[in-house]
N, C-alpha and C. Protein backbone atom coordinates (compact mmCIF):
# COMPACT_ATOMS: atom_id res chain seq x y z
N MET A 1 2.27 40.07 12.98
CA MET A 1 2.66 41.04 13.98
C MET A 1 4.11 40.73 14.37
N THR A 2 4.94 41.76 14.45
CA THR A 2 6.34 41.59 14.82
C THR A 2 6.57 42.15 16.21
N GLN A 3 7.25 41.37 17.02
CA GLN A 3 7.63 41.81 18.36
C GLN A 3 9.14 41.96 18.37
N PHE A 4 9.62 42.97 19.06
CA PHE A 4 11.05 43.18 19.15
C PHE A 4 11.52 42.81 20.55
N THR A 5 12.59 42.05 20.59
CA THR A 5 13.20 41.65 21.87
C THR A 5 14.67 42.04 21.83
N ALA A 6 15.37 41.72 22.88
CA ALA A 6 16.79 42.05 22.96
C ALA A 6 17.59 41.35 21.86
N THR A 7 17.09 40.22 21.36
CA THR A 7 17.82 39.48 20.33
C THR A 7 17.35 39.80 18.92
N GLY A 8 16.35 40.67 18.77
CA GLY A 8 15.89 41.06 17.44
C GLY A 8 14.41 40.82 17.27
N PRO A 9 13.93 41.04 16.04
CA PRO A 9 12.49 40.90 15.79
C PRO A 9 12.05 39.44 15.82
N HIS A 10 10.88 39.18 16.35
CA HIS A 10 10.29 37.85 16.37
C HIS A 10 8.83 37.99 16.00
N HIS A 11 8.35 37.05 15.21
CA HIS A 11 6.94 37.08 14.82
C HIS A 11 6.13 36.39 15.90
N ALA A 12 5.07 37.04 16.33
CA ALA A 12 4.18 36.44 17.32
C ALA A 12 3.43 35.28 16.68
N ALA A 13 3.23 34.24 17.44
CA ALA A 13 2.49 33.09 16.94
C ALA A 13 1.03 33.47 16.73
N ALA A 14 0.45 32.91 15.67
CA ALA A 14 -0.97 33.16 15.41
C ALA A 14 -1.79 32.52 16.53
N PRO A 15 -2.88 33.15 16.92
CA PRO A 15 -3.71 32.56 17.98
C PRO A 15 -4.28 31.23 17.53
N ARG A 16 -4.41 30.30 18.47
CA ARG A 16 -4.96 28.98 18.14
C ARG A 16 -6.44 29.13 17.84
N ARG A 17 -6.89 28.33 16.91
CA ARG A 17 -8.29 28.38 16.51
C ARG A 17 -8.94 27.05 16.83
N GLY A 18 -10.22 27.08 17.08
CA GLY A 18 -10.96 25.86 17.38
C GLY A 18 -11.18 25.02 16.13
N ARG A 19 -11.76 23.85 16.34
CA ARG A 19 -11.99 22.92 15.23
C ARG A 19 -13.06 23.42 14.27
N TRP A 20 -14.12 24.02 14.77
CA TRP A 20 -15.21 24.44 13.90
C TRP A 20 -14.80 25.53 12.94
N PRO A 21 -14.08 26.56 13.38
CA PRO A 21 -13.63 27.56 12.40
C PRO A 21 -12.69 26.95 11.35
N ARG A 22 -11.85 26.02 11.76
CA ARG A 22 -10.95 25.36 10.80
C ARG A 22 -11.75 24.55 9.79
N LEU A 23 -12.73 23.81 10.27
CA LEU A 23 -13.57 23.01 9.38
C LEU A 23 -14.31 23.91 8.39
N ARG A 24 -14.84 25.01 8.90
CA ARG A 24 -15.54 25.97 8.04
C ARG A 24 -14.59 26.50 6.97
N ASP A 25 -13.36 26.82 7.36
CA ASP A 25 -12.38 27.34 6.40
C ASP A 25 -12.00 26.29 5.36
N LEU A 26 -11.86 25.02 5.78
CA LEU A 26 -11.53 23.96 4.84
C LEU A 26 -12.65 23.75 3.84
N LEU A 27 -13.89 23.79 4.31
CA LEU A 27 -15.03 23.64 3.41
C LEU A 27 -15.11 24.81 2.43
N ALA A 28 -14.84 26.01 2.90
CA ALA A 28 -14.83 27.18 2.03
C ALA A 28 -13.72 27.07 0.98
N LEU A 29 -12.56 26.59 1.39
CA LEU A 29 -11.45 26.42 0.46
C LEU A 29 -11.80 25.40 -0.62
N ARG A 30 -12.42 24.30 -0.22
CA ARG A 30 -12.84 23.28 -1.20
C ARG A 30 -13.85 23.88 -2.19
N ARG A 31 -14.78 24.65 -1.67
CA ARG A 31 -15.79 25.28 -2.52
C ARG A 31 -15.13 26.25 -3.51
N GLN A 32 -14.17 27.04 -3.03
CA GLN A 32 -13.48 27.99 -3.91
C GLN A 32 -12.67 27.28 -4.98
N ARG A 33 -12.02 26.18 -4.61
CA ARG A 33 -11.26 25.42 -5.60
C ARG A 33 -12.18 24.81 -6.64
N ASN A 34 -13.35 24.34 -6.23
CA ASN A 34 -14.32 23.80 -7.19
C ASN A 34 -14.81 24.89 -8.14
N HIS A 35 -15.07 26.08 -7.62
CA HIS A 35 -15.49 27.20 -8.46
C HIS A 35 -14.39 27.57 -9.45
N LEU A 36 -13.16 27.56 -8.99
CA LEU A 36 -12.02 27.88 -9.86
C LEU A 36 -11.96 26.90 -11.03
N ALA A 37 -12.18 25.63 -10.77
CA ALA A 37 -12.12 24.62 -11.83
C ALA A 37 -13.22 24.82 -12.87
N ARG A 38 -14.32 25.46 -12.49
CA ARG A 38 -15.45 25.65 -13.41
C ARG A 38 -15.37 26.96 -14.20
N LEU A 39 -14.41 27.81 -13.90
CA LEU A 39 -14.29 29.06 -14.66
C LEU A 39 -13.90 28.76 -16.10
N ASP A 40 -14.41 29.56 -17.03
CA ASP A 40 -14.01 29.36 -18.43
C ASP A 40 -12.63 29.98 -18.66
N ASP A 41 -12.05 29.62 -19.79
CA ASP A 41 -10.67 30.05 -20.08
C ASP A 41 -10.53 31.57 -20.14
N HIS A 42 -11.55 32.26 -20.60
CA HIS A 42 -11.51 33.72 -20.66
C HIS A 42 -11.38 34.31 -19.26
N LEU A 43 -12.17 33.82 -18.32
CA LEU A 43 -12.09 34.33 -16.94
C LEU A 43 -10.77 33.94 -16.28
N LEU A 44 -10.30 32.73 -16.54
CA LEU A 44 -9.00 32.33 -15.99
C LEU A 44 -7.89 33.25 -16.51
N ASN A 45 -7.95 33.58 -17.79
CA ASN A 45 -6.97 34.49 -18.37
C ASN A 45 -7.03 35.85 -17.68
N ASP A 46 -8.24 36.30 -17.34
CA ASP A 46 -8.39 37.60 -16.66
C ASP A 46 -7.68 37.62 -15.31
N ILE A 47 -7.64 36.48 -14.63
CA ILE A 47 -6.97 36.44 -13.32
C ILE A 47 -5.54 35.90 -13.41
N GLY A 48 -5.08 35.68 -14.65
CA GLY A 48 -3.68 35.31 -14.85
C GLY A 48 -3.36 33.84 -14.62
N LEU A 49 -4.37 32.97 -14.82
CA LEU A 49 -4.13 31.53 -14.65
C LEU A 49 -4.43 30.79 -15.94
N THR A 50 -3.72 29.70 -16.14
CA THR A 50 -4.02 28.81 -17.25
C THR A 50 -5.01 27.76 -16.77
N ARG A 51 -5.62 27.06 -17.71
CA ARG A 51 -6.52 25.96 -17.37
C ARG A 51 -5.76 24.93 -16.53
N HIS A 52 -4.53 24.63 -16.93
CA HIS A 52 -3.72 23.64 -16.21
C HIS A 52 -3.49 24.08 -14.75
N GLN A 53 -3.13 25.34 -14.54
CA GLN A 53 -2.90 25.84 -13.18
C GLN A 53 -4.18 25.76 -12.35
N ALA A 54 -5.31 26.11 -12.94
CA ALA A 54 -6.58 26.05 -12.22
C ALA A 54 -6.92 24.62 -11.84
N MET A 55 -6.69 23.69 -12.74
CA MET A 55 -7.00 22.29 -12.43
C MET A 55 -6.05 21.73 -11.38
N MET A 56 -4.80 22.12 -11.43
CA MET A 56 -3.84 21.67 -10.41
C MET A 56 -4.26 22.16 -9.03
N GLU A 57 -4.71 23.41 -8.95
CA GLU A 57 -5.17 23.96 -7.67
C GLU A 57 -6.44 23.25 -7.21
N ALA A 58 -7.36 23.01 -8.12
CA ALA A 58 -8.63 22.37 -7.78
C ALA A 58 -8.43 20.93 -7.31
N GLU A 59 -7.39 20.28 -7.77
CA GLU A 59 -7.15 18.88 -7.43
C GLU A 59 -6.36 18.70 -6.13
N ARG A 60 -5.92 19.79 -5.53
CA ARG A 60 -5.17 19.67 -4.27
C ARG A 60 -6.08 19.10 -3.18
N PRO A 61 -5.54 18.26 -2.31
CA PRO A 61 -6.36 17.70 -1.24
C PRO A 61 -6.76 18.76 -0.22
N ALA A 62 -7.81 18.49 0.50
CA ALA A 62 -8.37 19.46 1.46
C ALA A 62 -7.35 19.88 2.51
N TRP A 63 -6.46 18.98 2.90
CA TRP A 63 -5.50 19.31 3.96
C TRP A 63 -4.30 20.10 3.42
N ASP A 64 -4.21 20.28 2.11
CA ASP A 64 -3.13 21.05 1.51
C ASP A 64 -3.57 22.52 1.48
N VAL A 65 -3.34 23.19 2.60
CA VAL A 65 -3.82 24.55 2.80
C VAL A 65 -2.66 25.54 2.72
N PRO A 66 -2.96 26.82 2.59
CA PRO A 66 -1.90 27.82 2.59
C PRO A 66 -1.05 27.72 3.86
N SER A 67 0.23 27.97 3.73
CA SER A 67 1.17 27.78 4.86
C SER A 67 0.81 28.63 6.07
N HIS A 68 0.26 29.83 5.88
CA HIS A 68 -0.06 30.68 7.03
C HIS A 68 -1.22 30.11 7.85
N TRP A 69 -1.97 29.16 7.33
CA TRP A 69 -3.04 28.50 8.10
C TRP A 69 -2.47 27.51 9.10
N ARG A 70 -1.27 27.01 8.85
CA ARG A 70 -0.69 25.93 9.66
C ARG A 70 -0.06 26.40 10.95
N ARG A 71 0.10 27.69 11.14
CA ARG A 71 0.79 28.22 12.33
C ARG A 71 -0.03 28.10 13.60
N GLY A 72 -1.35 28.10 13.48
CA GLY A 72 -2.22 28.17 14.64
C GLY A 72 -2.48 26.91 15.35
């Protein structure tokens, strides 16, 4: 969301989230990364990833989350 002020546009800070929703999201991310690692090469090709890219993503630590998650 963009807010406009006298000095120009500013992005509103994302609302703070509690610990349980964050934990749930981290567990879901881990589960998705594990599923990604188990896809066969044909399915990875369908989504535009190589085996190497899928394994690199799957091996990321749980705290290495998308940058937009860190604002809250």
